[in-house]
């Protein structure tokens, strides 16, 4: 593993992240998307081996996934192995936090229609283990109201936590726990009218709700980070493809320049050859003219 000049604490963190990644892949094989898996692969390779081979695997020797792995590795080739360790470790640590969402265990009493006779009341006890958010709702579905709806502790407090006299109501309050709550449906004021009520009371531990809220915030932030990282990777890939296109165009332009230069050299050579041949032809013509004069002079002397 390439760990030259690596911080020992970072190396240990990276090693733990590798083990955690293996455990995550076994416990939650579908936790990561394919682009995220490729990103982790690339960071691991960069951290442990350094930059990838400069050329992709030859066509026909690998499948599409292997080629995608090489491309992902190439996209992070500019970062140091320590930066790759840091990024890899951070991603795995975030995934460990988000692997299992916190569970909010609620105490719920719910009924679609419960009857309370005229002059009667109904008590429903609810046990809860911690300070909780109590969400309640009730409404008359049969008969006429209003009716009493109370929530109090057991033993009862002098003033109930909630005391209503309505036909319908809903709301939320905080109740300290652990404790035993008593939900009372009171129709004792009615002389003749019995009623049927739809009721729901839900107790959710505030600490668990807070942890759930923090988890959702962390998850939302992590998803935004992933979106930004994916966008950055997309821009980097587009820039790389553009650079490659520019490099290819520059290479082609250089080839054309060399071809033009070679053609110019050949043309210059041809021009020089033609000039030399022209000079030789002119010299030959002069020699021929000289020879003709010599022959005419000899003929004239005879």
C-alpha atoms as a PDB file:
ATOM      1  CA  UNK A   1       0.000   0.000   0.000  1.00  0.00           C
ATOM      2  CA  UNK A   2       1.373   3.404  -0.988  1.00  0.00           C
ATOM      3  CA  UNK A   3       1.706   5.237   2.307  1.00  0.00           C
ATOM      4  CA  UNK A   4       4.819   7.333   1.717  1.00  0.00           C
ATOM      5  CA  UNK A   5       4.940  10.237   4.209  1.00  0.00           C
ATOM      6  CA  UNK A   6       1.401   9.368   5.326  1.00  0.00           C
ATOM      7  CA  UNK A   7       0.279  10.500   8.764  1.00  0.00           C
ATOM      8  CA  UNK A   8       0.170   7.390  11.027  1.00  0.00           C
ATOM      9  CA  UNK A   9      -3.185   8.481  12.468  1.00  0.00           C
ATOM     10  CA  UNK A  10      -4.570   8.862   8.949  1.00  0.00           C
ATOM     11  CA  UNK A  11      -3.231   5.446   7.951  1.00  0.00           C
ATOM     12  CA  UNK A  12      -4.967   3.884  10.963  1.00  0.00           C
ATOM     13  CA  UNK A  13      -8.194   5.735  10.146  1.00  0.00           C
ATOM     14  CA  UNK A  14      -7.969   4.562   6.540  1.00  0.00           C
ATOM     15  CA  UNK A  15      -7.405   0.945   7.629  1.00  0.00           C
ATOM     16  CA  UNK A  16     -10.462   1.104   9.892  1.00  0.00           C
ATOM     17  CA  UNK A  17     -12.486   2.588   7.039  1.00  0.00           C
ATOM     18  CA  UNK A  18     -11.483  -0.326   4.785  1.00  0.00           C
ATOM     19  CA  UNK A  19     -12.731  -2.841   7.364  1.00  0.00           C
ATOM     20  CA  UNK A  20     -15.907  -0.816   7.896  1.00  0.00           C
ATOM     21  CA  UNK A  21     -16.509  -0.721   4.134  1.00  0.00           C
ATOM     22  CA  UNK A  22     -16.276  -4.514   3.945  1.00  0.00           C
ATOM     23  CA  UNK A  23     -18.750  -4.874   6.804  1.00  0.00           C
ATOM     24  CA  UNK A  24     -21.103  -2.354   5.206  1.00  0.00           C
ATOM     25  CA  UNK A  25     -21.045  -4.215   1.899  1.00  0.00           C
ATOM     26  CA  UNK A  26     -22.095  -7.384   3.739  1.00  0.00           C
ATOM     27  CA  UNK A  27     -24.767  -5.783   5.932  1.00  0.00           C
ATOM     28  CA  UNK A  28     -26.195  -3.367   3.377  1.00  0.00           C
ATOM     29  CA  UNK A  29     -25.160  -4.375  -0.159  1.00  0.00           C
ATOM     30  CA  UNK A  30     -27.630  -1.912  -1.711  1.00  0.00           C
ATOM     31  CA  UNK A  31     -26.615   1.084   0.400  1.00  0.00           C
ATOM     32  CA  UNK A  32     -24.448   2.613  -2.349  1.00  0.00           C
ATOM     33  CA  UNK A  33     -25.281   3.544  -5.913  1.00  0.00           C
ATOM     34  CA  UNK A  34     -22.986   2.412  -8.715  1.00  0.00           C
ATOM     35  CA  UNK A  35     -21.363   5.874  -9.127  1.00  0.00           C
ATOM     36  CA  UNK A  36     -20.658   5.949  -5.370  1.00  0.00           C
ATOM     37  CA  UNK A  37     -19.079   2.484  -5.538  1.00  0.00           C
ATOM     38  CA  UNK A  38     -16.881   3.624  -8.424  1.00  0.00           C
ATOM     39  CA  UNK A  39     -15.866   6.726  -6.452  1.00  0.00           C
ATOM     40  CA  UNK A  40     -14.827   4.639  -3.441  1.00  0.00           C
ATOM     41  CA  UNK A  41     -12.951   2.204  -5.681  1.00  0.00           C
ATOM     42  CA  UNK A  42     -11.074   5.073  -7.316  1.00  0.00           C
ATOM     43  CA  UNK A  43     -10.141   6.662  -3.979  1.00  0.00           C
ATOM     44  CA  UNK A  44      -8.992   3.302  -2.593  1.00  0.00           C
ATOM     45  CA  UNK A  45      -6.817   2.641  -5.648  1.00  0.00           C
ATOM     46  CA  UNK A  46      -5.355   6.153  -5.574  1.00  0.00           C
ATOM     47  CA  UNK A  47      -4.645   5.868  -1.845  1.00  0.00           C
ATOM     48  CA  UNK A  48      -3.096   2.403  -2.020  1.00  0.00           C
ATOM     49  CA  UNK A  49      -1.436   2.333  -5.456  1.00  0.00           C
ATOM     50  CA  UNK A  50      -1.114   5.892  -6.690  1.00  0.00           C
ATOM     51  CA  UNK A  51      -2.097   7.114 -10.181  1.00  0.00           C
ATOM     52  CA  UNK A  52      -3.611   4.637 -12.673  1.00  0.00           C
ATOM     53  CA  UNK A  53      -1.971   3.428 -15.889  1.00  0.00           C
ATOM     54  CA  UNK A  54      -1.843   6.260 -18.398  1.00  0.00           C
ATOM     55  CA  UNK A  55      -3.646   4.236 -21.049  1.00  0.00           C
ATOM     56  CA  UNK A  56      -7.004   2.464 -20.635  1.00  0.00           C
ATOM     57  CA  UNK A  57      -7.177  -1.324 -20.869  1.00  0.00           C
ATOM     58  CA  UNK A  58      -7.119  -2.464 -24.513  1.00  0.00           C
ATOM     59  CA  UNK A  59     -10.600  -2.881 -26.044  1.00  0.00           C
ATOM     60  CA  UNK A  60     -11.847  -6.437 -25.848  1.00  0.00           C
ATOM     61  CA  UNK A  61      -9.692  -7.340 -22.838  1.00  0.00           C
ATOM     62  CA  UNK A  62     -12.068  -5.933 -20.179  1.00  0.00           C
ATOM     63  CA  UNK A  63     -15.793  -5.399 -19.707  1.00  0.00           C
ATOM     64  CA  UNK A  64     -17.637  -2.080 -19.347  1.00  0.00           C
ATOM     65  CA  UNK A  65     -17.375  -2.131 -15.542  1.00  0.00           C
ATOM     66  CA  UNK A  66     -13.592  -2.539 -15.623  1.00  0.00           C
ATOM     67  CA  UNK A  67     -13.321   0.358 -18.046  1.00  0.00           C
ATOM     68  CA  UNK A  68     -15.589   2.482 -15.807  1.00  0.00           C
ATOM     69  CA  UNK A  69     -13.317   1.653 -12.852  1.00  0.00           C
ATOM     70  CA  UNK A  70     -10.277   2.819 -14.799  1.00  0.00           C
ATOM     71  CA  UNK A  71     -12.063   6.053 -15.761  1.00  0.00           C
ATOM     72  CA  UNK A  72     -13.088   6.702 -12.133  1.00  0.00           C
ATOM     73  CA  UNK A  73      -9.513   6.081 -10.984  1.00  0.00           C
ATOM     74  CA  UNK A  74      -8.177   8.381 -13.688  1.00  0.00           C
ATOM     75  CA  UNK A  75     -10.548  11.149 -12.518  1.00  0.00           C
ATOM     76  CA  UNK A  76      -8.832  11.257  -9.083  1.00  0.00           C
ATOM     77  CA  UNK A  77      -5.271  10.768 -10.322  1.00  0.00           C
ATOM     78  CA  UNK A  78      -4.322  14.365  -9.490  1.00  0.00           C
ATOM     79  CA  UNK A  79      -4.899  14.066  -5.720  1.00  0.00           C
ATOM     80  CA  UNK A  80      -2.290  12.761  -3.289  1.00  0.00           C
ATOM     81  CA  UNK A  81      -2.596   9.397  -1.585  1.00  0.00           C
ATOM     82  CA  UNK A  82      -3.219  11.178   1.745  1.00  0.00           C
ATOM     83  CA  UNK A  83      -6.069  13.198   0.233  1.00  0.00           C
ATOM     84  CA  UNK A  84      -7.503   9.971  -1.167  1.00  0.00           C
ATOM     85  CA  UNK A  85      -7.263   8.303   2.273  1.00  0.00           C
ATOM     86  CA  UNK A  86      -8.998  11.282   3.880  1.00  0.00           C
ATOM     87  CA  UNK A  87     -11.833  11.342   1.327  1.00  0.00           C
ATOM     88  CA  UNK A  88     -12.333   7.569   1.443  1.00  0.00           C
ATOM     89  CA  UNK A  89     -12.410   7.503   5.252  1.00  0.00           C
ATOM     90  CA  UNK A  90     -14.844  10.432   5.460  1.00  0.00           C
ATOM     91  CA  UNK A  91     -17.293   8.828   3.022  1.00  0.00           C
ATOM     92  CA  UNK A  92     -17.282   5.510   4.901  1.00  0.00           C
ATOM     93  CA  UNK A  93     -17.702   7.236   8.271  1.00  0.00           C
ATOM     94  CA  UNK A  94     -20.687   9.173   6.932  1.00  0.00           C
ATOM     95  CA  UNK A  95     -22.196   5.972   5.556  1.00  0.00           C
ATOM     96  CA  UNK A  96     -21.808   4.226   8.915  1.00  0.00           C
ATOM     97  CA  UNK A  97     -23.755   7.033  10.580  1.00  0.00           C
ATOM     98  CA  UNK A  98     -26.494   6.805   7.958  1.00  0.00           C
ATOM     99  CA  UNK A  99     -26.665   3.029   7.654  1.00  0.00           C
ATOM    100  CA  UNK A 100     -29.408   2.549  10.250  1.00  0.00           C
ATOM    101  CA  UNK A 101     -31.992   5.230  10.883  1.00  0.00           C
ATOM    102  CA  UNK A 102     -32.884   5.741  14.562  1.00  0.00           C
ATOM    103  CA  UNK A 103     -36.203   4.211  15.521  1.00  0.00           C
ATOM    104  CA  UNK A 104     -38.833   6.200  17.387  1.00  0.00           C
ATOM    105  CA  UNK A 105     -40.841   3.751  19.487  1.00  0.00           C
ATOM    106  CA  UNK A 106     -44.229   5.311  20.103  1.00  0.00           C
ATOM    107  CA  UNK A 107     -46.969   4.437  22.563  1.00  0.00           C
ATOM    108  CA  UNK A 108     -50.242   4.741  20.660  1.00  0.00           C
ATOM    109  CA  UNK A 109     -53.887   4.378  21.536  1.00  0.00           C
ATOM    110  CA  UNK A 110     -56.184   4.688  18.552  1.00  0.00           C
ATOM    111  CA  UNK A 111     -59.783   3.785  17.847  1.00  0.00           C
ATOM    112  CA  UNK A 112     -62.047   4.417  14.876  1.00  0.00           C
ATOM    113  CA  UNK A 113     -65.236   4.476  16.963  1.00  0.00           C
ATOM    114  CA  UNK A 114     -65.571   3.909  20.693  1.00  0.00           C
ATOM    115  CA  UNK A 115     -68.856   4.351  22.513  1.00  0.00           C
ATOM    116  CA  UNK A 116     -69.380   6.302  25.736  1.00  0.00           C
ATOM    117  CA  UNK A 117     -72.877   6.110  27.200  1.00  0.00           C
ATOM    118  CA  UNK A 118     -74.858   9.026  28.575  1.00  0.00           C
ATOM    119  CA  UNK A 119     -73.630   9.852  32.078  1.00  0.00           C
ATOM    120  CA  UNK A 120     -70.546   7.630  31.669  1.00  0.00           C
ATOM    121  CA  UNK A 121     -66.858   8.190  31.277  1.00  0.00           C
ATOM    122  CA  UNK A 122     -64.054   6.001  29.963  1.00  0.00           C
ATOM    123  CA  UNK A 123     -60.470   5.930  31.294  1.00  0.00           C
ATOM    124  CA  UNK A 124     -57.600   4.621  29.128  1.00  0.00           C
ATOM    125  CA  UNK A 125     -54.181   4.212  30.837  1.00  0.00           C
ATOM    126  CA  UNK A 126     -50.989   4.720  28.805  1.00  0.00           C
ATOM    127  CA  UNK A 127     -47.519   3.870  30.126  1.00  0.00           C
ATOM    128  CA  UNK A 128     -44.467   5.623  28.648  1.00  0.00           C
ATOM    129  CA  UNK A 129     -40.783   5.477  29.551  1.00  0.00           C
ATOM    130  CA  UNK A 130     -39.426   8.968  28.872  1.00  0.00           C
ATOM    131  CA  UNK A 131     -40.391  12.599  28.445  1.00  0.00           C
ATOM    132  CA  UNK A 132     -42.510  12.561  25.321  1.00  0.00           C
ATOM    133  CA  UNK A 133     -44.413  14.560  22.779  1.00  0.00           C
ATOM    134  CA  UNK A 134     -48.096  13.747  23.133  1.00  0.00           C
ATOM    135  CA  UNK A 135     -50.149  14.202  19.967  1.00  0.00           C
ATOM    136  CA  UNK A 136     -53.901  13.838  20.397  1.00  0.00           C
ATOM    137  CA  UNK A 137     -57.033  14.084  18.293  1.00  0.00           C
ATOM    138  CA  UNK A 138     -60.675  13.207  18.827  1.00  0.00           C
ATOM    139  CA  UNK A 139     -63.991  13.814  17.114  1.00  0.00           C
ATOM    140  CA  UNK A 140     -67.578  12.645  17.509  1.00  0.00           C
ATOM    141  CA  UNK A 141     -68.600  10.240  14.745  1.00  0.00           C
ATOM    142  CA  UNK A 142     -72.042   9.367  16.125  1.00  0.00           C
ATOM    143  CA  UNK A 143     -74.313  11.178  18.571  1.00  0.00           C
ATOM    144  CA  UNK A 144     -74.119  14.771  19.690  1.00  0.00           C
ATOM    145  CA  UNK A 145     -71.659  16.541  21.919  1.00  0.00           C
ATOM    146  CA  UNK A 146     -69.670  18.138  23.229  1.00  0.00           C
ATOM    147  CA  UNK A 147     -67.824  15.696  25.503  1.00  0.00           C
ATOM    148  CA  UNK A 148     -64.986  16.010  27.962  1.00  0.00           C
ATOM    149  CA  UNK A 149     -61.482  14.984  26.927  1.00  0.00           C
ATOM    150  CA  UNK A 150     -58.806  14.996  29.613  1.00  0.00           C
ATOM    151  CA  UNK A 151     -55.187  13.868  29.881  1.00  0.00           C
ATOM    152  CA  UNK A 152     -53.635  13.625  33.336  1.00  0.00           C
ATOM    153  CA  UNK A 153     -50.961  11.715  35.199  1.00  0.00           C
ATOM    154  CA  UNK A 154     -51.518   8.848  37.638  1.00  0.00           C
ATOM    155  CA  UNK A 155     -51.735   9.713  40.476  1.00  0.00           C
ATOM    156  CA  UNK A 156     -53.625  12.741  39.136  1.00  0.00           C
ATOM    157  CA  UNK A 157     -52.315  16.265  39.398  1.00  0.00           C
ATOM    158  CA  UNK A 158     -54.598  18.989  40.758  1.00  0.00           C
ATOM    159  CA  UNK A 159     -54.742  20.555  37.303  1.00  0.00           C
ATOM    160  CA  UNK A 160     -54.940  18.092  34.384  1.00  0.00           C
ATOM    161  CA  UNK A 161     -52.308  18.333  31.669  1.00  0.00           C
ATOM    162  CA  UNK A 162     -55.162  18.815  29.230  1.00  0.00           C
ATOM    163  CA  UNK A 163     -58.883  19.393  29.800  1.00  0.00           C
ATOM    164  CA  UNK A 164     -61.254  20.079  26.903  1.00  0.00           C
ATOM    165  CA  UNK A 165     -64.993  20.103  26.422  1.00  0.00           C
ATOM    166  CA  UNK A 166     -65.475  19.988  22.665  1.00  0.00           C
ATOM    167  CA  UNK A 167     -66.982  18.012  19.805  1.00  0.00           C
ATOM    168  CA  UNK A 168     -63.639  17.778  18.024  1.00  0.00           C
ATOM    169  CA  UNK A 169     -60.082  18.808  18.834  1.00  0.00           C
ATOM    170  CA  UNK A 170     -56.446  18.035  18.090  1.00  0.00           C
ATOM    171  CA  UNK A 171     -53.104  19.260  19.348  1.00  0.00           C
ATOM    172  CA  UNK A 172     -49.744  18.503  20.922  1.00  0.00           C
ATOM    173  CA  UNK A 173     -48.275  18.828  24.396  1.00  0.00           C
ATOM    174  CA  UNK A 174     -45.143  17.710  26.207  1.00  0.00           C
ATOM    175  CA  UNK A 175     -45.422  15.243  29.076  1.00  0.00           C
ATOM    176  CA  UNK A 176     -42.654  14.410  31.542  1.00  0.00           C
ATOM    177  CA  UNK A 177     -41.732  10.791  31.962  1.00  0.00           C
ATOM    178  CA  UNK A 178     -41.456   8.039  32.767  1.00  0.00           C
ATOM    179  CA  UNK A 179     -45.037   8.088  33.955  1.00  0.00           C
ATOM    180  CA  UNK A 180     -48.523   6.667  33.597  1.00  0.00           C
ATOM    181  CA  UNK A 181     -51.032   8.807  31.730  1.00  0.00           C
ATOM    182  CA  UNK A 182     -54.778   8.515  31.940  1.00  0.00           C
ATOM    183  CA  UNK A 183     -56.831   9.567  28.931  1.00  0.00           C
ATOM    184  CA  UNK A 184     -60.432  10.224  29.955  1.00  0.00           C
ATOM    185  CA  UNK A 185     -63.454  10.458  27.666  1.00  0.00           C
ATOM    186  CA  UNK A 186     -66.158  12.070  29.797  1.00  0.00           C
ATOM    187  CA  UNK A 187     -69.819  12.030  28.771  1.00  0.00           C
ATOM    188  CA  UNK A 188     -71.122  12.315  32.346  1.00  0.00           C
ATOM    189  CA  UNK A 189     -72.758  15.675  31.631  1.00  0.00           C
ATOM    190  CA  UNK A 190     -75.109  14.065  29.089  1.00  0.00           C
ATOM    191  CA  UNK A 191     -78.435  12.772  30.351  1.00  0.00           C
ATOM    192  CA  UNK A 192     -79.727  10.987  27.270  1.00  0.00           C
ATOM    193  CA  UNK A 193     -77.149  11.141  24.480  1.00  0.00           C
ATOM    194  CA  UNK A 194     -74.529   8.446  24.115  1.00  0.00           C
ATOM    195  CA  UNK A 195     -71.687   9.159  21.673  1.00  0.00           C
ATOM    196  CA  UNK A 196     -69.137   7.339  19.556  1.00  0.00           C
ATOM    197  CA  UNK A 197     -65.720   8.936  19.279  1.00  0.00           C
ATOM    198  CA  UNK A 198     -62.771   8.564  16.939  1.00  0.00           C
ATOM    199  CA  UNK A 199     -59.677   9.024  19.097  1.00  0.00           C
ATOM    200  CA  UNK A 200     -55.928   8.852  18.790  1.00  0.00           C
ATOM    201  CA  UNK A 201     -53.240   9.555  21.380  1.00  0.00           C
ATOM    202  CA  UNK A 202     -49.576   9.076  20.445  1.00  0.00           C
ATOM    203  CA  UNK A 203     -46.608   9.389  22.827  1.00  0.00           C
ATOM    204  CA  UNK A 204     -43.170   9.730  21.183  1.00  0.00           C
ATOM    205  CA  UNK A 205     -39.957  10.122  23.249  1.00  0.00           C
ATOM    206  CA  UNK A 206     -38.559  13.602  22.676  1.00  0.00           C
ATOM    207  CA  UNK A 207     -34.952  12.381  22.819  1.00  0.00           C
ATOM    208  CA  UNK A 208     -35.665   9.832  20.077  1.00  0.00           C
ATOM    209  CA  UNK A 209     -37.460  12.485  18.015  1.00  0.00           C
ATOM    210  CA  UNK A 210     -34.446  14.784  18.376  1.00  0.00           C
ATOM    211  CA  UNK A 211     -32.097  11.988  17.287  1.00  0.00           C
ATOM    212  CA  UNK A 212     -34.357  11.236  14.332  1.00  0.00           C
ATOM    213  CA  UNK A 213     -34.345  14.921  13.390  1.00  0.00           C
ATOM    214  CA  UNK A 214     -30.538  15.065  13.596  1.00  0.00           C
ATOM    215  CA  UNK A 215     -30.310  11.911  11.503  1.00  0.00           C
ATOM    216  CA  UNK A 216     -32.576  13.397   8.831  1.00  0.00           C
ATOM    217  CA  UNK A 217     -30.504  16.576   8.806  1.00  0.00           C
ATOM    218  CA  UNK A 218     -27.261  14.591   8.475  1.00  0.00           C
ATOM    219  CA  UNK A 219     -28.767  12.489   5.723  1.00  0.00           C
ATOM    220  CA  UNK A 220     -30.038  15.543   3.863  1.00  0.00           C
ATOM    221  CA  UNK A 221     -26.633  17.217   4.182  1.00  0.00           C
ATOM    222  CA  UNK A 222     -24.861  14.055   3.030  1.00  0.00           C
ATOM    223  CA  UNK A 223     -27.187  13.741   0.043  1.00  0.00           C
ATOM    224  CA  UNK A 224     -26.466  17.362  -0.853  1.00  0.00           C
ATOM    225  CA  UNK A 225     -22.748  16.663  -0.567  1.00  0.00           C
ATOM    226  CA  UNK A 226     -23.184  13.654  -2.849  1.00  0.00           C
ATOM    227  CA  UNK A 227     -25.173  15.745  -5.321  1.00  0.00           C
ATOM    228  CA  UNK A 228     -22.502  18.435  -5.329  1.00  0.00           C
ATOM    229  CA  UNK A 229     -19.756  15.834  -5.623  1.00  0.00           C
ATOM    230  CA  UNK A 230     -21.590  14.179  -8.509  1.00  0.00           C
ATOM    231  CA  UNK A 231     -22.045  17.569 -10.169  1.00  0.00           C
ATOM    232  CA  UNK A 232     -18.361  18.367  -9.612  1.00  0.00           C
ATOM    233  CA  UNK A 233     -17.383  14.969 -11.007  1.00  0.00           C
ATOM    234  CA  UNK A 234     -19.609  15.606 -14.004  1.00  0.00           C
ATOM    235  CA  UNK A 235     -18.014  19.001 -14.595  1.00  0.00           C
ATOM    236  CA  UNK A 236     -14.549  17.518 -14.130  1.00  0.00           C
ATOM    237  CA  UNK A 237     -15.359  14.738 -16.579  1.00  0.00           C
ATOM    238  CA  UNK A 238     -16.761  17.222 -19.095  1.00  0.00           C
ATOM    239  CA  UNK A 239     -13.656  19.396 -18.664  1.00  0.00           C
ATOM    240  CA  UNK A 240     -11.424  16.350 -19.074  1.00  0.00           C
ATOM    241  CA  UNK A 241     -13.259  15.294 -22.228  1.00  0.00           C
ATOM    242  CA  UNK A 242     -12.971  18.848 -23.522  1.00  0.00           C
ATOM    243  CA  UNK A 243      -9.255  18.881 -22.739  1.00  0.00           C
ATOM    244  CA  UNK A 244      -8.852  15.550 -24.502  1.00  0.00           C
ATOM    245  CA  UNK A 245     -10.724  16.910 -27.518  1.00  0.00           C
ATOM    246  CA  UNK A 246      -8.509  20.015 -27.498  1.00  0.00           C
ATOM    247  CA  UNK A 247      -5.405  17.833 -27.152  1.00  0.00           C
ATOM    248  CA  UNK A 248      -6.537  15.674 -30.061  1.00  0.00           C
ATOM    249  CA  UNK A 249      -7.239  18.773 -32.132  1.00  0.00           C
ATOM    250  CA  UNK A 250      -3.830  20.193 -31.191  1.00  0.00           C
ATOM    251  CA  UNK A 251      -2.171  16.898 -32.109  1.00  0.00           C
ATOM    252  CA  UNK A 252      -4.008  16.836 -35.424  1.00  0.00           C
ATOM    253  CA  UNK A 253      -3.063  20.464 -36.063  1.00  0.00           C
ATOM    254  CA  UNK A 254       0.568  19.663 -35.327  1.00  0.00           C
ATOM    255  CA  UNK A 255       0.380  16.710 -37.716  1.00  0.00           C
ATOM    256  CA  UNK A 256      -1.079  18.989 -40.379  1.00  0.00           C
ATOM    257  CA  UNK A 257       1.637  21.563 -39.742  1.00  0.00           C
ATOM    258  CA  UNK A 258       4.284  18.906 -40.115  1.00  0.00           C
ATOM    259  CA  UNK A 259       2.617  17.657 -43.289  1.00  0.00           C
ATOM    260  CA  UNK A 260       2.520  21.211 -44.677  1.00  0.00           C
ATOM    261  CA  UNK A 261       6.139  21.737 -43.668  1.00  0.00           C
ATOM    262  CA  UNK A 262       7.095  18.451 -45.317  1.00  0.00           C
ATOM    263  CA  UNK A 263       5.148  19.411 -48.442  1.00  0.00           C
ATOM    264  CA  UNK A 264       6.881  22.775 -48.480  1.00  0.00           C
ATOM    265  CA  UNK A 265      10.253  21.073 -48.178  1.00  0.00           C
ATOM    266  CA  UNK A 266       9.365  18.723 -51.016  1.00  0.00           C
ATOM    267  CA  UNK A 267       8.100  21.638 -53.101  1.00  0.00           C
ATOM    268  CA  UNK A 268      11.270  23.586 -52.384  1.00  0.00           C
ATOM    269  CA  UNK A 269      13.277  20.548 -53.442  1.00  0.00           C
ATOM    270  CA  UNK A 270      11.255  20.235 -56.641  1.00  0.00           C
ATOM    271  CA  UNK A 271      11.698  23.932 -57.388  1.00  0.00           C
ATOM    272  CA  UNK A 272      15.441  23.604 -56.816  1.00  0.00           C
ATOM    273  CA  UNK A 273      15.534  20.551 -59.077  1.00  0.00           C
ATOM    274  CA  UNK A 274      13.572  22.374 -61.779  1.00  0.00           C
ATOM    275  CA  UNK A 275      15.891  25.359 -61.546  1.00  0.00           C
ATOM    276  CA  UNK A 276      18.931  23.108 -61.817  1.00  0.00           C
ATOM    277  CA  UNK A 277      17.394  21.320 -64.796  1.00  0.00           C
ATOM    278  CA  UNK A 278      16.549  24.691 -66.366  1.00  0.00           C
ATOM    279  CA  UNK A 279      20.133  25.840 -65.901  1.00  0.00           C
ATOM    280  CA  UNK A 280      21.408  22.587 -67.392  1.00  0.00           C
ATOM    281  CA  UNK A 281      19.028  23.042 -70.320  1.00  0.00           C
ATOM    282  CA  UNK A 282      20.209  26.622 -70.854  1.00  0.00           C
ATOM    283  CA  UNK A 283      23.827  25.461 -70.702  1.00  0.00           C
ATOM    284  CA  UNK A 284      23.063  22.707 -73.187  1.00  0.00           C
ATOM    285  CA  UNK A 285      21.457  25.220 -75.541  1.00  0.00           C
ATOM    286  CA  UNK A 286      24.529  27.460 -75.376  1.00  0.00           C
ATOM    287  CA  UNK A 287      26.798  24.509 -76.033  1.00  0.00           C
ATOM    288  CA  UNK A 288      24.597  23.520 -78.990  1.00  0.00           C
ATOM    289  CA  UNK A 289      24.729  27.041 -80.401  1.00  0.00           C
ATOM    290  CA  UNK A 290      28.505  27.074 -80.000  1.00  0.00           C
ATOM    291  CA  UNK A 291      28.733  23.732 -81.780  1.00  0.00           C
ATOM    292  CA  UNK A 292      26.542  25.007 -84.634  1.00  0.00           C
ATOM    293  CA  UNK A 293      28.752  28.073 -85.111  1.00  0.00           C
ATOM    294  CA  UNK A 294      31.819  25.904 -85.122  1.00  0.00           C
ATOM    295  CA  UNK A 295      30.305  23.644 -87.776  1.00  0.00           C
ATOM    296  CA  UNK A 296      29.261  26.610 -89.934  1.00  0.00           C
ATOM    297  CA  UNK A 297      32.741  28.080 -89.715  1.00  0.00           C
ATOM    298  CA  UNK A 298      34.325  24.771 -90.777  1.00  0.00           C
ATOM    299  CA  UNK A 299      31.897  24.453 -93.678  1.00  0.00           C
ATOM    300  CA  UNK A 300      32.671  28.018 -94.759  1.00  0.00           C
ATOM    301  CA  UNK A 301      36.433  27.365 -94.720  1.00  0.00           C
ATOM    302  CA  UNK A 302      36.070  24.414 -97.097  1.00  0.00           C
END
